[in-house]
Amino acid sequence: MAETKSGFTPAQMLEEVNNAIYNILVGGQSYKIGTRQLTRADLSELYTMKNDLTAQVAADGSTGLLDDTYVAVFDRR
């Protein structure tokens, strides 16, 4: 797998994006403690990144032509 500009592989980035999505789903988009506030990444952007990275990871493991192709034989029995 090729590394991205950040030095991570697409599979590693996908894991981090999944962790970020999980943190938002469990802990909320933002929260405030006293005068401090934390707002996490936009969930829709994370889902877009997840889809792109999933496609990259799938493409890295592909052999190219005829991926996701199935063969069925019908011999009139």
PDB file of N, CA and C in Angstrom:
ATOM      1  N   MET A   1       0.834  -1.187   0.000  1.00  0.00           N
ATOM      2  CA  MET A   1       0.000   0.000   0.000  1.00  0.00           C
ATOM      3  C   MET A   1       0.875   1.246   0.000  1.00  0.00           C
ATOM      4  N   ALA A   2       0.457   2.204  -0.744  1.00  0.00           N
ATOM      5  CA  ALA A   2       1.200   3.463  -0.807  1.00  0.00           C
ATOM      6  C   ALA A   2       0.821   4.351   0.364  1.00  0.00           C
ATOM      7  N   GLU A   3       1.808   5.100   0.833  1.00  0.00           N
ATOM      8  CA  GLU A   3       1.543   6.035   1.924  1.00  0.00           C
ATOM      9  C   GLU A   3       0.957   7.322   1.372  1.00  0.00           C
ATOM     10  N   THR A   4       0.143   7.975   2.189  1.00  0.00           N
ATOM     11  CA  THR A   4      -0.415   9.266   1.822  1.00  0.00           C
ATOM     12  C   THR A   4       0.567  10.363   2.216  1.00  0.00           C
ATOM     13  N   LYS A   5       0.215  11.607   1.969  1.00  0.00           N
ATOM     14  CA  LYS A   5       1.082  12.743   2.327  1.00  0.00           C
ATOM     15  C   LYS A   5       1.367  12.780   3.822  1.00  0.00           C
ATOM     16  N   SER A   6       0.440  12.282   4.616  1.00  0.00           N
ATOM     17  CA  SER A   6       0.611  12.311   6.065  1.00  0.00           C
ATOM     18  C   SER A   6       1.534  11.204   6.570  1.00  0.00           C
ATOM     19  N   GLY A   7       1.937  10.284   5.688  1.00  0.00           N
ATOM     20  CA  GLY A   7       2.804   9.189   6.103  1.00  0.00           C
ATOM     21  C   GLY A   7       2.041   7.948   6.510  1.00  0.00           C
ATOM     22  N   PHE A   8       0.723   8.008   6.473  1.00  0.00           N
ATOM     23  CA  PHE A   8      -0.110   6.860   6.815  1.00  0.00           C
ATOM     24  C   PHE A   8      -0.575   6.168   5.542  1.00  0.00           C
ATOM     25  N   THR A   9      -0.801   4.873   5.631  1.00  0.00           N
ATOM     26  CA  THR A   9      -1.392   4.152   4.510  1.00  0.00           C
ATOM     27  C   THR A   9      -2.898   4.413   4.509  1.00  0.00           C
ATOM     28  N   PRO A  10      -3.571   4.193   3.389  1.00  0.00           N
ATOM     29  CA  PRO A  10      -5.033   4.364   3.376  1.00  0.00           C
ATOM     30  C   PRO A  10      -5.737   3.502   4.430  1.00  0.00           C
ATOM     31  N   ALA A  11      -5.224   2.306   4.677  1.00  0.00           N
ATOM     32  CA  ALA A  11      -5.836   1.441   5.695  1.00  0.00           C
ATOM     33  C   ALA A  11      -5.696   2.049   7.088  1.00  0.00           C
ATOM     34  N   GLN A  12      -4.541   2.651   7.373  1.00  0.00           N
ATOM     35  CA  GLN A  12      -4.339   3.298   8.669  1.00  0.00           C
ATOM     36  C   GLN A  12      -5.233   4.530   8.800  1.00  0.00           C
ATOM     37  N   MET A  13      -5.334   5.289   7.720  1.00  0.00           N
ATOM     38  CA  MET A  13      -6.210   6.469   7.736  1.00  0.00           C
ATOM     39  C   MET A  13      -7.660   6.051   7.941  1.00  0.00           C
ATOM     40  N   LEU A  14      -8.071   4.964   7.294  1.00  0.00           N
ATOM     41  CA  LEU A  14      -9.440   4.465   7.443  1.00  0.00           C
ATOM     42  C   LEU A  14      -9.723   4.093   8.898  1.00  0.00           C
ATOM     43  N   GLU A  15      -8.758   3.481   9.541  1.00  0.00           N
ATOM     44  CA  GLU A  15      -8.917   3.128  10.959  1.00  0.00           C
ATOM     45  C   GLU A  15      -9.096   4.389  11.811  1.00  0.00           C
ATOM     46  N   GLU A  16      -8.308   5.418  11.539  1.00  0.00           N
ATOM     47  CA  GLU A  16      -8.419   6.672  12.293  1.00  0.00           C
ATOM     48  C   GLU A  16      -9.760   7.361  12.035  1.00  0.00           C
ATOM     49  N   VAL A  17     -10.214   7.343  10.790  1.00  0.00           N
ATOM     50  CA  VAL A  17     -11.514   7.943  10.461  1.00  0.00           C
ATOM     51  C   VAL A  17     -12.624   7.187  11.172  1.00  0.00           C
ATOM     52  N   ASN A  18     -12.550   5.862  11.189  1.00  0.00           N
ATOM     53  CA  ASN A  18     -13.549   5.068  11.905  1.00  0.00           C
ATOM     54  C   ASN A  18     -13.546   5.392  13.392  1.00  0.00           C
ATOM     55  N   ASN A  19     -12.354   5.590  13.968  1.00  0.00           N
ATOM     56  CA  ASN A  19     -12.267   5.977  15.384  1.00  0.00           C
ATOM     57  C   ASN A  19     -12.903   7.340  15.621  1.00  0.00           C
ATOM     58  N   ALA A  20     -12.663   8.279  14.708  1.00  0.00           N
ATOM     59  CA  ALA A  20     -13.240   9.618  14.849  1.00  0.00           C
ATOM     60  C   ALA A  20     -14.764   9.559  14.758  1.00  0.00           C
ATOM     61  N   ILE A  21     -15.285   8.766  13.829  1.00  0.00           N
ATOM     62  CA  ILE A  21     -16.745   8.605  13.696  1.00  0.00           C
ATOM     63  C   ILE A  21     -17.313   8.006  14.974  1.00  0.00           C
ATOM     64  N   TYR A  22     -16.650   6.984  15.500  1.00  0.00           N
ATOM     65  CA  TYR A  22     -17.102   6.346  16.737  1.00  0.00           C
ATOM     66  C   TYR A  22     -17.136   7.350  17.891  1.00  0.00           C
ATOM     67  N   ASN A  23     -16.082   8.160  18.012  1.00  0.00           N
ATOM     68  CA  ASN A  23     -16.025   9.144  19.093  1.00  0.00           C
ATOM     69  C   ASN A  23     -17.159  10.150  19.002  1.00  0.00           C
ATOM     70  N   ILE A  24     -17.521  10.542  17.797  1.00  0.00           N
ATOM     71  CA  ILE A  24     -18.635  11.483  17.635  1.00  0.00           C
ATOM     72  C   ILE A  24     -19.951  10.810  17.997  1.00  0.00           C
ATOM     73  N   LEU A  25     -20.131   9.572  17.543  1.00  0.00           N
ATOM     74  CA  LEU A  25     -21.382   8.871  17.816  1.00  0.00           C
ATOM     75  C   LEU A  25     -21.565   8.589  19.305  1.00  0.00           C
ATOM     76  N   VAL A  26     -20.464   8.312  20.000  1.00  0.00           N
ATOM     77  CA  VAL A  26     -20.546   8.010  21.425  1.00  0.00           C
ATOM     78  C   VAL A  26     -20.521   9.273  22.283  1.00  0.00           C
ATOM     79  N   GLY A  27     -19.622  10.210  21.945  1.00  0.00           N
ATOM     80  CA  GLY A  27     -19.415  11.369  22.800  1.00  0.00           C
ATOM     81  C   GLY A  27     -20.078  12.653  22.345  1.00  0.00           C
ATOM     82  N   GLY A  28     -20.666  12.652  21.165  1.00  0.00           N
ATOM     83  CA  GLY A  28     -21.321  13.860  20.671  1.00  0.00           C
ATOM     84  C   GLY A  28     -20.430  14.678  19.757  1.00  0.00           C
ATOM     85  N   GLN A  29     -21.058  15.550  18.995  1.00  0.00           N
ATOM     86  CA  GLN A  29     -20.349  16.394  18.037  1.00  0.00           C
ATOM     87  C   GLN A  29     -19.506  17.454  18.750  1.00  0.00           C
ATOM     88  N   SER A  30     -20.039  17.999  19.829  1.00  0.00           N
ATOM     89  CA  SER A  30     -19.292  19.001  20.585  1.00  0.00           C
ATOM     90  C   SER A  30     -19.735  18.971  22.044  1.00  0.00           C
ATOM     91  N   TYR A  31     -18.879  19.486  22.884  1.00  0.00           N
ATOM     92  CA  TYR A  31     -19.246  19.616  24.291  1.00  0.00           C
ATOM     93  C   TYR A  31     -18.485  20.785  24.895  1.00  0.00           C
ATOM     94  N   LYS A  32     -18.977  21.223  26.072  1.00  0.00           N
ATOM     95  CA  LYS A  32     -18.400  22.378  26.737  1.00  0.00           C
ATOM     96  C   LYS A  32     -18.193  22.048  28.205  1.00  0.00           C
ATOM     97  N   ILE A  33     -17.014  22.389  28.690  1.00  0.00           N
ATOM     98  CA  ILE A  33     -16.700  22.241  30.107  1.00  0.00           C
ATOM     99  C   ILE A  33     -16.226  23.604  30.584  1.00  0.00           C
ATOM    100  N   GLY A  34     -17.012  24.221  31.414  1.00  0.00           N
ATOM    101  CA  GLY A  34     -16.674  25.562  31.888  1.00  0.00           C
ATOM    102  C   GLY A  34     -16.661  26.536  30.727  1.00  0.00           C
ATOM    103  N   THR A  35     -15.535  27.188  30.525  1.00  0.00           N
ATOM    104  CA  THR A  35     -15.421  28.138  29.423  1.00  0.00           C
ATOM    105  C   THR A  35     -14.780  27.515  28.186  1.00  0.00           C
ATOM    106  N   ARG A  36     -14.372  26.255  28.284  1.00  0.00           N
ATOM    107  CA  ARG A  36     -13.727  25.580  27.161  1.00  0.00           C
ATOM    108  C   ARG A  36     -14.739  24.763  26.376  1.00  0.00           C
ATOM    109  N   GLN A  37     -14.548  24.729  25.066  1.00  0.00           N
ATOM    110  CA  GLN A  37     -15.464  23.997  24.206  1.00  0.00           C
ATOM    111  C   GLN A  37     -14.665  23.203  23.179  1.00  0.00           C
ATOM    112  N   LEU A  38     -15.111  21.970  22.898  1.00  0.00           N
ATOM    113  CA  LEU A  38     -14.497  21.126  21.885  1.00  0.00           C
ATOM    114  C   LEU A  38     -15.547  20.792  20.840  1.00  0.00           C
ATOM    115  N   THR A  39     -15.231  21.031  19.579  1.00  0.00           N
ATOM    116  CA  THR A  39     -16.096  20.638  18.471  1.00  0.00           C
ATOM    117  C   THR A  39     -15.294  19.693  17.593  1.00  0.00           C
ATOM    118  N   ARG A  40     -15.827  18.499  17.420  1.00  0.00           N
ATOM    119  CA  ARG A  40     -15.134  17.488  16.620  1.00  0.00           C
ATOM    120  C   ARG A  40     -15.394  17.716  15.136  1.00  0.00           C
ATOM    121  N   ALA A  41     -14.689  16.961  14.305  1.00  0.00           N
ATOM    122  CA  ALA A  41     -14.823  17.063  12.845  1.00  0.00           C
ATOM    123  C   ALA A  41     -16.275  16.844  12.418  1.00  0.00           C
ATOM    124  N   ASP A  42     -16.614  17.390  11.259  1.00  0.00           N
ATOM    125  CA  ASP A  42     -17.959  17.263  10.707  1.00  0.00           C
ATOM    126  C   ASP A  42     -18.210  15.807  10.327  1.00  0.00           C
ATOM    127  N   LEU A  43     -19.292  15.252  10.830  1.00  0.00           N
ATOM    128  CA  LEU A  43     -19.592  13.841  10.624  1.00  0.00           C
ATOM    129  C   LEU A  43     -19.788  13.505   9.145  1.00  0.00           C
ATOM    130  N   SER A  44     -20.430  14.384   8.390  1.00  0.00           N
ATOM    131  CA  SER A  44     -20.656  14.103   6.964  1.00  0.00           C
ATOM    132  C   SER A  44     -19.320  14.070   6.202  1.00  0.00           C
ATOM    133  N   GLU A  45     -18.377  14.919   6.581  1.00  0.00           N
ATOM    134  CA  GLU A  45     -17.053  14.889   5.945  1.00  0.00           C
ATOM    135  C   GLU A  45     -16.312  13.605   6.288  1.00  0.00           C
ATOM    136  N   LEU A  46     -16.470  13.145   7.524  1.00  0.00           N
ATOM    137  CA  LEU A  46     -15.826  11.892   7.916  1.00  0.00           C
ATOM    138  C   LEU A  46     -16.390  10.715   7.130  1.00  0.00           C
ATOM    139  N   TYR A  47     -17.708  10.706   6.918  1.00  0.00           N
ATOM    140  CA  TYR A  47     -18.314   9.630   6.130  1.00  0.00           C
ATOM    141  C   TYR A  47     -17.835   9.678   4.681  1.00  0.00           C
ATOM    142  N   THR A  48     -17.648  10.865   4.127  1.00  0.00           N
ATOM    143  CA  THR A  48     -17.114  10.999   2.769  1.00  0.00           C
ATOM    144  C   THR A  48     -15.689  10.468   2.711  1.00  0.00           C
ATOM    145  N   MET A  49     -14.882  10.840   3.706  1.00  0.00           N
ATOM    146  CA  MET A  49     -13.508  10.331   3.768  1.00  0.00           C
ATOM    147  C   MET A  49     -13.494   8.814   3.911  1.00  0.00           C
ATOM    148  N   LYS A  50     -14.404   8.288   4.728  1.00  0.00           N
ATOM    149  CA  LYS A  50     -14.474   6.844   4.933  1.00  0.00           C
ATOM    150  C   LYS A  50     -14.773   6.132   3.620  1.00  0.00           C
ATOM    151  N   ASN A  51     -15.720   6.653   2.849  1.00  0.00           N
ATOM    152  CA  ASN A  51     -16.057   6.035   1.571  1.00  0.00           C
ATOM    153  C   ASN A  51     -14.871   6.066   0.611  1.00  0.00           C
ATOM    154  N   ASP A  52     -14.185   7.207   0.545  1.00  0.00           N
ATOM    155  CA  ASP A  52     -13.020   7.334  -0.337  1.00  0.00           C
ATOM    156  C   ASP A  52     -11.897   6.384   0.082  1.00  0.00           C
ATOM    157  N   LEU A  53     -11.621   6.325   1.368  1.00  0.00           N
ATOM    158  CA  LEU A  53     -10.549   5.456   1.857  1.00  0.00           C
ATOM    159  C   LEU A  53     -10.897   3.985   1.694  1.00  0.00           C
ATOM    160  N   THR A  54     -12.161   3.636   1.887  1.00  0.00           N
ATOM    161  CA  THR A  54     -12.590   2.252   1.683  1.00  0.00           C
ATOM    162  C   THR A  54     -12.362   1.845   0.234  1.00  0.00           C
ATOM    163  N   ALA A  55     -12.667   2.745  -0.695  1.00  0.00           N
ATOM    164  CA  ALA A  55     -12.442   2.468  -2.113  1.00  0.00           C
ATOM    165  C   ALA A  55     -10.945   2.324  -2.403  1.00  0.00           C
ATOM    166  N   GLN A  56     -10.120   3.155  -1.784  1.00  0.00           N
ATOM    167  CA  GLN A  56      -8.670   3.062  -1.990  1.00  0.00           C
ATOM    168  C   GLN A  56      -8.122   1.742  -1.466  1.00  0.00           C
ATOM    169  N   VAL A  57      -8.579   1.345  -0.288  1.00  0.00           N
ATOM    170  CA  VAL A  57      -8.110   0.090   0.306  1.00  0.00           C
ATOM    171  C   VAL A  57      -8.544  -1.086  -0.569  1.00  0.00           C
ATOM    172  N   ALA A  58      -9.774  -1.044  -1.068  1.00  0.00           N
ATOM    173  CA  ALA A  58     -10.263  -2.110  -1.938  1.00  0.00           C
ATOM    174  C   ALA A  58      -9.482  -2.143  -3.250  1.00  0.00           C
ATOM    175  N   ALA A  59      -9.143  -0.980  -3.787  1.00  0.00           N
ATOM    176  CA  ALA A  59      -8.393  -0.912  -5.047  1.00  0.00           C
ATOM    177  C   ALA A  59      -6.968  -1.409  -4.869  1.00  0.00           C
ATOM    178  N   ASP A  60      -6.373  -1.166  -3.706  1.00  0.00           N
ATOM    179  CA  ASP A  60      -5.007  -1.629  -3.451  1.00  0.00           C
ATOM    180  C   ASP A  60      -4.920  -3.143  -3.450  1.00  0.00           C
ATOM    181  N   GLY A  61      -5.964  -3.801  -3.011  1.00  0.00           N
ATOM    182  CA  GLY A  61      -5.954  -5.256  -2.950  1.00  0.00           C
ATOM    183  C   GLY A  61      -6.515  -5.917  -4.190  1.00  0.00           C
ATOM    184  N   SER A  62      -6.897  -5.123  -5.173  1.00  0.00           N
ATOM    185  CA  SER A  62      -7.538  -5.708  -6.348  1.00  0.00           C
ATOM    186  C   SER A  62      -6.510  -6.169  -7.368  1.00  0.00           C
ATOM    187  N   THR A  63      -6.946  -7.079  -8.212  1.00  0.00           N
ATOM    188  CA  THR A  63      -6.106  -7.554  -9.294  1.00  0.00           C
ATOM    189  C   THR A  63      -6.436  -6.832 -10.587  1.00  0.00           C
ATOM    190  N   GLY A  64      -7.437  -5.972 -10.554  1.00  0.00           N
ATOM    191  CA  GLY A  64      -7.763  -5.177 -11.736  1.00  0.00           C
ATOM    192  C   GLY A  64      -8.998  -5.682 -12.443  1.00  0.00           C
ATOM    193  N   LEU A  65      -8.789  -6.202 -13.626  1.00  0.00           N
ATOM    194  CA  LEU A  65      -9.868  -6.621 -14.499  1.00  0.00           C
ATOM    195  C   LEU A  65     -10.730  -7.708 -13.861  1.00  0.00           C
ATOM    196  N   LEU A  66     -12.008  -7.551 -13.971  1.00  0.00           N
ATOM    197  CA  LEU A  66     -13.008  -8.526 -13.528  1.00  0.00           C
ATOM    198  C   LEU A  66     -13.107  -8.691 -12.010  1.00  0.00           C
ATOM    199  N   ASP A  67     -12.726  -7.682 -11.249  1.00  0.00           N
ATOM    200  CA  ASP A  67     -12.959  -7.739  -9.811  1.00  0.00           C
ATOM    201  C   ASP A  67     -14.456  -7.736  -9.565  1.00  0.00           C
ATOM    202  N   ASP A  68     -14.884  -8.360  -8.498  1.00  0.00           N
ATOM    203  CA  ASP A  68     -16.295  -8.459  -8.137  1.00  0.00           C
ATOM    204  C   ASP A  68     -17.111  -9.111  -9.248  1.00  0.00           C
ATOM    205  N   THR A  69     -16.533 -10.083  -9.934  1.00  0.00           N
ATOM    206  CA  THR A  69     -17.222 -10.800 -11.000  1.00  0.00           C
ATOM    207  C   THR A  69     -17.461 -12.223 -10.538  1.00  0.00           C
ATOM    208  N   TYR A  70     -18.650 -12.714 -10.806  1.00  0.00           N
ATOM    209  CA  TYR A  70     -19.021 -14.080 -10.429  1.00  0.00           C
ATOM    210  C   TYR A  70     -19.406 -14.860 -11.682  1.00  0.00           C
ATOM    211  N   VAL A  71     -19.203 -16.159 -11.630  1.00  0.00           N
ATOM    212  CA  VAL A  71     -19.547 -17.013 -12.757  1.00  0.00           C
ATOM    213  C   VAL A  71     -20.606 -17.995 -12.285  1.00  0.00           C
ATOM    214  N   ALA A  72     -21.646 -18.156 -13.105  1.00  0.00           N
ATOM    215  CA  ALA A  72     -22.684 -19.141 -12.834  1.00  0.00           C
ATOM    216  C   ALA A  72     -22.806 -20.034 -14.059  1.00  0.00           C
ATOM    217  N   VAL A  73     -22.962 -21.347 -13.813  1.00  0.00           N
ATOM    218  CA  VAL A  73     -23.091 -22.301 -14.905  1.00  0.00           C
ATOM    219  C   VAL A  73     -24.473 -22.924 -14.807  1.00  0.00           C
ATOM    220  N   PHE A  74     -25.248 -22.823 -15.872  1.00  0.00           N
ATOM    221  CA  PHE A  74     -26.586 -23.417 -15.951  1.00  0.00           C
ATOM    222  C   PHE A  74     -26.529 -24.483 -17.034  1.00  0.00           C
ATOM    223  N   ASP A  75     -26.654 -25.751 -16.646  1.00  0.00           N
ATOM    224  CA  ASP A  75     -26.488 -26.823 -17.634  1.00  0.00           C
ATOM    225  C   ASP A  75     -27.763 -27.633 -17.846  1.00  0.00           C
ATOM    226  N   ARG A  76     -28.917 -27.067 -17.625  1.00  0.00           N
ATOM    227  CA  ARG A  76     -30.255 -27.659 -17.903  1.00  0.00           C
ATOM    228  C   ARG A  76     -30.462 -29.022 -17.263  1.00  0.00           C
ATOM    229  N   ARG A  77     -30.140 -29.186 -16.033  1.00  0.00           N
ATOM    230  CA  ARG A  77     -30.399 -30.445 -15.345  1.00  0.00           C
ATOM    231  C   ARG A  77     -31.762 -30.447 -14.734  1.00  0.00           C
TER     232      ARG A  77
END
